[in-house]
């Protein structure tokens, strides 16, 4: 099937499919005239990648997961280790966002938001404030 049909079936834009091919995550067959010819297995691989990316896995992590998927001698511990590392990264990002939220809330609460020029938000951005 051509890239348009593959795109529809995989739920990915053609540009993403071409990118995955460029970086070696996908190697579709070629027709005699050089056009890409996507198989059902290619669509399955693209859906796998789409689901993995939607869970936040990086391209390199997707490469590892695909390799493990195709390795019938894999150990689930290897897959679990990748997922646990991703979860730790997500938890770290959540903690960073919670900290940012705390700082932003503090600044907003201490800004009078009136006609006066004094503003702790501007002071903080200028490096003159003291965030708690």
N, C-alpha and C. Protein backbone atom coordinates (compact mmCIF):
# COMPACT_ATOMS: atom_id res chain seq x y z
N UNK A 1 0.84 -1.19 0.00
CA UNK A 1 0.00 0.00 0.00
C UNK A 1 0.88 1.24 0.00
N UNK A 2 0.36 2.33 -0.51
CA UNK A 2 1.14 3.57 -0.59
C UNK A 2 1.12 4.31 0.75
N UNK A 3 1.88 5.38 0.83
CA UNK A 3 2.03 6.10 2.09
C UNK A 3 0.72 6.74 2.55
N UNK A 4 -0.14 7.15 1.63
CA UNK A 4 -1.42 7.74 2.01
C UNK A 4 -2.30 6.75 2.74
N UNK A 5 -2.38 5.55 2.22
CA UNK A 5 -3.18 4.50 2.85
C UNK A 5 -2.53 4.08 4.17
N UNK A 6 -1.21 3.94 4.15
CA UNK A 6 -0.50 3.57 5.37
C UNK A 6 -0.73 4.62 6.45
N UNK A 7 -0.71 5.88 6.07
CA UNK A 7 -0.94 6.97 6.99
C UNK A 7 -2.32 6.86 7.63
N UNK A 8 -3.34 6.61 6.82
CA UNK A 8 -4.70 6.47 7.32
C UNK A 8 -4.81 5.29 8.28
N UNK A 9 -4.25 4.18 7.91
CA UNK A 9 -4.37 2.96 8.72
C UNK A 9 -3.57 3.03 10.01
N UNK A 10 -2.44 3.71 9.96
CA UNK A 10 -1.59 3.81 11.15
C UNK A 10 -1.98 4.99 12.04
N UNK A 11 -2.72 5.94 11.48
CA UNK A 11 -3.09 7.12 12.26
C UNK A 11 -1.94 8.08 12.46
N UNK A 12 -1.03 8.10 11.50
CA UNK A 12 0.13 8.98 11.57
C UNK A 12 0.24 9.79 10.28
N UNK A 13 0.75 11.02 10.37
CA UNK A 13 0.95 11.79 9.14
C UNK A 13 2.06 11.18 8.27
N UNK A 14 1.95 11.34 6.95
CA UNK A 14 3.01 10.83 6.07
C UNK A 14 4.39 11.35 6.44
N UNK A 15 4.47 12.59 6.89
CA UNK A 15 5.77 13.17 7.27
C UNK A 15 6.40 12.37 8.41
N UNK A 16 5.60 11.96 9.37
CA UNK A 16 6.11 11.16 10.49
C UNK A 16 6.57 9.80 10.00
N UNK A 17 5.81 9.21 9.11
CA UNK A 17 6.18 7.90 8.57
C UNK A 17 7.51 8.00 7.83
N UNK A 18 7.66 9.04 7.02
CA UNK A 18 8.95 9.24 6.31
C UNK A 18 10.09 9.46 7.30
N UNK A 19 9.82 10.20 8.37
CA UNK A 19 10.85 10.43 9.40
C UNK A 19 11.27 9.10 10.03
N UNK A 20 10.30 8.27 10.39
CA UNK A 20 10.63 6.97 10.98
C UNK A 20 11.47 6.14 10.01
N UNK A 21 11.19 6.26 8.73
CA UNK A 21 12.00 5.56 7.73
C UNK A 21 13.41 6.15 7.69
N UNK A 22 13.50 7.47 7.69
CA UNK A 22 14.81 8.14 7.62
C UNK A 22 15.72 7.75 8.78
N UNK A 23 15.14 7.54 9.97
CA UNK A 23 15.97 7.21 11.14
C UNK A 23 16.08 5.71 11.38
N UNK A 24 15.54 4.92 10.44
CA UNK A 24 15.74 3.47 10.50
C UNK A 24 14.76 2.70 11.35
N UNK A 25 13.66 3.31 11.78
CA UNK A 25 12.67 2.57 12.56
C UNK A 25 11.73 1.77 11.68
N UNK A 26 11.74 2.06 10.40
CA UNK A 26 10.85 1.43 9.46
C UNK A 26 11.57 1.29 8.13
N UNK A 27 11.42 0.13 7.49
CA UNK A 27 12.03 -0.09 6.18
C UNK A 27 11.02 -0.73 5.24
N UNK A 28 10.15 0.08 4.66
CA UNK A 28 9.16 -0.49 3.75
C UNK A 28 9.82 -1.00 2.47
N UNK A 29 9.15 -1.95 1.85
CA UNK A 29 9.62 -2.44 0.55
C UNK A 29 9.46 -1.32 -0.47
N UNK A 30 10.10 -1.49 -1.59
CA UNK A 30 9.98 -0.53 -2.71
C UNK A 30 9.43 -1.26 -3.92
N UNK A 31 8.57 -0.57 -4.64
CA UNK A 31 8.05 -1.14 -5.89
C UNK A 31 9.13 -0.98 -6.96
N UNK A 32 8.89 -1.55 -8.11
CA UNK A 32 9.85 -1.47 -9.22
C UNK A 32 10.16 -0.03 -9.62
N UNK A 33 9.17 0.84 -9.47
CA UNK A 33 9.40 2.25 -9.83
C UNK A 33 9.90 3.09 -8.65
N UNK A 34 10.24 2.44 -7.52
CA UNK A 34 10.86 3.14 -6.40
C UNK A 34 9.92 3.66 -5.33
N UNK A 35 8.62 3.49 -5.53
CA UNK A 35 7.67 3.96 -4.51
C UNK A 35 7.68 3.04 -3.30
N UNK A 36 7.43 3.63 -2.15
CA UNK A 36 7.33 2.83 -0.93
C UNK A 36 6.10 1.93 -1.03
N UNK A 37 6.24 0.74 -0.49
CA UNK A 37 5.14 -0.23 -0.49
C UNK A 37 5.02 -0.79 0.93
N UNK A 38 4.06 -0.25 1.68
CA UNK A 38 3.90 -0.61 3.09
C UNK A 38 3.08 -1.88 3.23
N UNK A 39 3.56 -2.75 4.11
CA UNK A 39 2.89 -4.02 4.37
C UNK A 39 2.05 -3.91 5.64
N UNK A 40 1.27 -4.95 5.90
CA UNK A 40 0.50 -5.00 7.14
C UNK A 40 1.45 -4.98 8.35
N UNK A 41 2.60 -5.63 8.22
CA UNK A 41 3.59 -5.61 9.31
C UNK A 41 4.13 -4.20 9.54
N UNK A 42 4.31 -3.44 8.46
CA UNK A 42 4.75 -2.04 8.60
C UNK A 42 3.70 -1.22 9.35
N UNK A 43 2.43 -1.44 9.05
CA UNK A 43 1.35 -0.72 9.72
C UNK A 43 1.34 -1.07 11.20
N UNK A 44 1.52 -2.35 11.49
CA UNK A 44 1.59 -2.79 12.89
C UNK A 44 2.74 -2.09 13.62
N UNK A 45 3.89 -2.03 12.97
CA UNK A 45 5.06 -1.37 13.56
C UNK A 45 4.78 0.11 13.77
N UNK A 46 4.13 0.76 12.82
CA UNK A 46 3.79 2.18 12.95
C UNK A 46 2.81 2.41 14.10
N UNK A 47 1.85 1.53 14.25
CA UNK A 47 0.91 1.66 15.37
C UNK A 47 1.61 1.46 16.71
N UNK A 48 2.54 0.52 16.73
CA UNK A 48 3.36 0.28 17.93
C UNK A 48 4.10 1.57 18.29
N UNK A 49 4.73 2.17 17.29
CA UNK A 49 5.48 3.41 17.51
C UNK A 49 4.56 4.54 17.96
N UNK A 50 3.38 4.64 17.35
CA UNK A 50 2.44 5.70 17.71
C UNK A 50 2.01 5.54 19.16
N UNK A 51 1.72 4.32 19.59
CA UNK A 51 1.30 4.09 20.98
C UNK A 51 2.46 4.37 21.94
N UNK A 52 3.65 3.93 21.59
CA UNK A 52 4.82 4.16 22.46
C UNK A 52 5.10 5.66 22.58
N UNK A 53 5.04 6.38 21.47
CA UNK A 53 5.28 7.83 21.51
C UNK A 53 4.21 8.53 22.32
N UNK A 54 2.96 8.07 22.23
CA UNK A 54 1.88 8.70 22.98
C UNK A 54 2.05 8.50 24.48
N UNK A 55 2.79 7.48 24.88
CA UNK A 55 3.11 7.26 26.29
C UNK A 55 4.35 8.02 26.73
N UNK A 56 4.95 8.75 25.80
CA UNK A 56 6.09 9.59 26.14
C UNK A 56 7.44 8.98 25.89
N UNK A 57 7.49 7.80 25.32
CA UNK A 57 8.79 7.18 25.04
C UNK A 57 9.49 7.96 23.94
N UNK A 58 10.79 8.16 24.11
CA UNK A 58 11.60 8.85 23.12
C UNK A 58 11.82 7.95 21.91
N UNK A 59 12.35 8.52 20.86
CA UNK A 59 12.65 7.74 19.66
C UNK A 59 13.64 6.62 20.00
N UNK A 60 14.66 6.93 20.78
CA UNK A 60 15.63 5.90 21.14
C UNK A 60 14.99 4.80 22.00
N UNK A 61 14.10 5.20 22.91
CA UNK A 61 13.40 4.20 23.72
C UNK A 61 12.49 3.35 22.83
N UNK A 62 11.86 3.98 21.85
CA UNK A 62 11.03 3.22 20.90
C UNK A 62 11.88 2.22 20.13
N UNK A 63 13.07 2.63 19.76
CA UNK A 63 13.98 1.72 19.05
C UNK A 63 14.29 0.50 19.94
N UNK A 64 14.56 0.75 21.21
CA UNK A 64 14.84 -0.35 22.14
C UNK A 64 13.61 -1.24 22.31
N UNK A 65 12.44 -0.63 22.47
CA UNK A 65 11.21 -1.40 22.66
C UNK A 65 10.88 -2.23 21.42
N UNK A 66 11.08 -1.66 20.24
CA UNK A 66 10.86 -2.42 19.01
C UNK A 66 11.81 -3.61 18.93
N UNK A 67 13.04 -3.37 19.30
CA UNK A 67 14.01 -4.46 19.28
C UNK A 67 13.60 -5.58 20.24
N UNK A 68 13.15 -5.18 21.40
CA UNK A 68 12.69 -6.18 22.37
C UNK A 68 11.41 -6.88 21.88
N UNK A 69 10.54 -6.13 21.26
CA UNK A 69 9.30 -6.71 20.72
C UNK A 69 9.61 -7.82 19.73
N UNK A 70 10.60 -7.61 18.89
CA UNK A 70 10.96 -8.59 17.86
C UNK A 70 11.86 -9.70 18.40
N UNK A 71 12.39 -9.55 19.59
CA UNK A 71 13.26 -10.55 20.19
C UNK A 71 12.42 -11.55 20.99
N UNK A 72 12.20 -12.71 20.43
CA UNK A 72 11.36 -13.72 21.11
C UNK A 72 12.05 -14.28 22.36
N UNK A 73 13.33 -14.02 22.53
CA UNK A 73 14.07 -14.46 23.72
C UNK A 73 14.22 -13.34 24.75
N UNK A 74 13.47 -12.25 24.55
CA UNK A 74 13.57 -11.11 25.47
C UNK A 74 13.15 -11.53 26.87
N UNK A 75 13.61 -10.73 27.81
CA UNK A 75 13.16 -10.88 29.19
C UNK A 75 12.25 -9.70 29.50
N UNK A 76 11.11 -9.98 30.08
CA UNK A 76 10.18 -8.89 30.39
C UNK A 76 10.82 -7.88 31.33
N UNK A 77 11.83 -8.31 32.07
CA UNK A 77 12.53 -7.40 32.98
C UNK A 77 13.18 -6.25 32.20
N UNK A 78 13.63 -6.53 30.98
CA UNK A 78 14.25 -5.48 30.16
C UNK A 78 13.21 -4.44 29.74
N UNK A 79 12.03 -4.92 29.37
CA UNK A 79 10.95 -4.00 28.99
C UNK A 79 10.51 -3.20 30.21
N UNK A 80 10.36 -3.89 31.32
CA UNK A 80 9.92 -3.23 32.56
C UNK A 80 10.92 -2.16 32.99
N UNK A 81 12.20 -2.41 32.82
CA UNK A 81 13.23 -1.43 33.20
C UNK A 81 13.09 -0.15 32.38
N UNK A 82 12.80 -0.28 31.10
CA UNK A 82 12.60 0.90 30.25
C UNK A 82 11.36 1.66 30.71
N UNK A 83 10.28 0.94 31.00
CA UNK A 83 9.04 1.58 31.46
C UNK A 83 9.23 2.23 32.82
N UNK A 84 9.96 1.60 33.71
CA UNK A 84 10.22 2.19 35.03
C UNK A 84 11.05 3.46 34.92
N UNK A 85 12.03 3.46 34.04
CA UNK A 85 12.84 4.66 33.83
C UNK A 85 11.98 5.79 33.29
N UNK A 86 11.04 5.47 32.38
CA UNK A 86 10.14 6.48 31.84
C UNK A 86 9.23 7.02 32.94
N UNK A 87 8.73 6.14 33.79
CA UNK A 87 7.87 6.57 34.89
C UNK A 87 8.63 7.49 35.84
N UNK A 88 9.88 7.18 36.13
CA UNK A 88 10.70 8.04 36.98
C UNK A 88 10.88 9.41 36.34
N UNK A 89 11.06 9.45 35.03
CA UNK A 89 11.19 10.72 34.31
C UNK A 89 9.89 11.51 34.40
N UNK A 90 8.77 10.83 34.23
CA UNK A 90 7.46 11.50 34.33
C UNK A 90 7.27 12.06 35.74
N UNK A 91 7.60 11.28 36.76
CA UNK A 91 7.47 11.74 38.15
C UNK A 91 8.35 12.97 38.40
N UNK A 92 9.56 12.98 37.83
CA UNK A 92 10.46 14.11 37.99
C UNK A 92 9.85 15.36 37.35
N UNK A 93 9.30 15.19 36.16
CA UNK A 93 8.67 16.33 35.47
C UNK A 93 7.46 16.84 36.24
N UNK A 94 6.68 15.94 36.79
CA UNK A 94 5.53 16.36 37.59
C UNK A 94 5.99 17.17 38.80
N UNK A 95 7.06 16.72 39.45
CA UNK A 95 7.59 17.45 40.61
C UNK A 95 8.08 18.84 40.19
N UNK A 96 8.74 18.93 39.05
CA UNK A 96 9.21 20.22 38.55
C UNK A 96 8.02 21.15 38.26
N UNK A 97 6.99 20.61 37.64
CA UNK A 97 5.80 21.42 37.35
C UNK A 97 5.10 21.85 38.64
N UNK A 98 5.04 20.98 39.63
CA UNK A 98 4.42 21.34 40.90
C UNK A 98 5.19 22.48 41.56
N UNK A 99 6.51 22.43 41.47
CA UNK A 99 7.34 23.51 42.02
C UNK A 99 7.10 24.82 41.28
N UNK A 100 7.04 24.74 39.97
CA UNK A 100 6.76 25.94 39.17
C UNK A 100 5.38 26.50 39.51
N UNK A 101 4.43 25.62 39.70
CA UNK A 101 3.08 26.06 40.06
C UNK A 101 3.08 26.78 41.40
N UNK A 102 3.82 26.25 42.35
CA UNK A 102 3.93 26.88 43.67
C UNK A 102 4.51 28.29 43.56
N UNK A 103 5.60 28.42 42.80
CA UNK A 103 6.24 29.73 42.62
C UNK A 103 5.29 30.70 41.94
N UNK A 104 4.65 30.24 40.87
CA UNK A 104 3.73 31.10 40.13
C UNK A 104 2.56 31.53 41.01
N UNK A 105 2.01 30.60 41.75
CA UNK A 105 0.89 30.93 42.64
C UNK A 105 1.33 31.98 43.68
N UNK A 106 2.52 31.80 44.23
CA UNK A 106 3.05 32.74 45.23
C UNK A 106 3.19 34.14 44.62
N UNK A 107 3.74 34.20 43.43
CA UNK A 107 3.91 35.50 42.77
C UNK A 107 2.56 36.16 42.49
N UNK A 108 1.63 35.40 41.99
CA UNK A 108 0.31 35.95 41.69
C UNK A 108 -0.39 36.44 42.95
N UNK A 109 -0.28 35.67 44.02
CA UNK A 109 -0.93 36.05 45.28
C UNK A 109 -0.35 37.33 45.86
N UNK A 110 0.91 37.61 45.56
CA UNK A 110 1.57 38.78 46.13
C UNK A 110 1.59 39.98 45.18
N UNK A 111 0.95 39.84 44.04
CA UNK A 111 0.84 40.97 43.11
C UNK A 111 -0.53 41.60 43.31
N UNK A 112 -0.54 42.88 43.57
CA UNK A 112 -1.82 43.54 43.83
C UNK A 112 -2.67 43.67 42.57
N UNK A 113 -2.05 43.67 41.43
CA UNK A 113 -2.80 43.72 40.18
C UNK A 113 -3.63 44.99 40.03
N UNK A 114 -3.07 46.08 40.52
CA UNK A 114 -3.81 47.35 40.43
C UNK A 114 -3.04 48.34 39.56
N UNK A 115 -3.32 49.63 39.74
CA UNK A 115 -2.71 50.67 38.90
C UNK A 115 -1.28 51.02 39.31
N UNK A 116 -0.83 50.52 40.45
CA UNK A 116 0.53 50.84 40.91
C UNK A 116 1.57 50.07 40.08
N UNK A 117 2.76 50.62 39.93
CA UNK A 117 3.80 49.94 39.12
C UNK A 117 4.50 48.79 39.86
N UNK A 118 4.43 48.76 41.18
CA UNK A 118 5.11 47.70 41.94
C UNK A 118 4.51 46.35 41.59
N UNK A 119 5.39 45.42 41.24
CA UNK A 119 4.89 44.10 40.84
C UNK A 119 5.92 43.03 41.18
N UNK A 120 5.61 42.13 42.11
CA UNK A 120 6.56 41.07 42.46
C UNK A 120 6.85 40.11 41.31
N UNK A 121 5.95 40.00 40.37
CA UNK A 121 6.20 39.12 39.23
C UNK A 121 7.33 39.69 38.39
N UNK A 122 7.23 40.99 38.08
CA UNK A 122 8.30 41.66 37.32
C UNK A 122 9.60 41.65 38.11
N UNK A 123 9.51 41.90 39.42
CA UNK A 123 10.71 41.88 40.26
C UNK A 123 11.40 40.52 40.20
N UNK A 124 10.63 39.45 40.26
CA UNK A 124 11.20 38.11 40.21
C UNK A 124 11.84 37.84 38.84
N UNK A 125 11.17 38.25 37.79
CA UNK A 125 11.73 38.04 36.46
C UNK A 125 13.02 38.81 36.26
N UNK A 126 13.10 39.97 36.93
CA UNK A 126 14.31 40.80 36.84
C UNK A 126 15.39 40.34 37.80
N UNK A 127 15.11 39.31 38.60
CA UNK A 127 16.09 38.81 39.55
C UNK A 127 16.16 39.61 40.82
N UNK A 128 15.15 40.41 41.07
CA UNK A 128 15.13 41.27 42.26
C UNK A 128 14.17 40.74 43.33
N UNK A 129 13.38 39.75 43.02
CA UNK A 129 12.39 39.25 43.96
C UNK A 129 12.93 38.11 44.77
N UNK A 130 12.15 37.72 45.72
CA UNK A 130 12.51 36.58 46.56
C UNK A 130 11.34 35.62 46.59
N UNK A 131 11.39 34.57 45.81
CA UNK A 131 10.33 33.59 45.75
C UNK A 131 10.50 32.62 46.91
N UNK A 132 9.39 32.28 47.51
CA UNK A 132 9.42 31.32 48.65
C UNK A 132 8.83 30.01 48.26
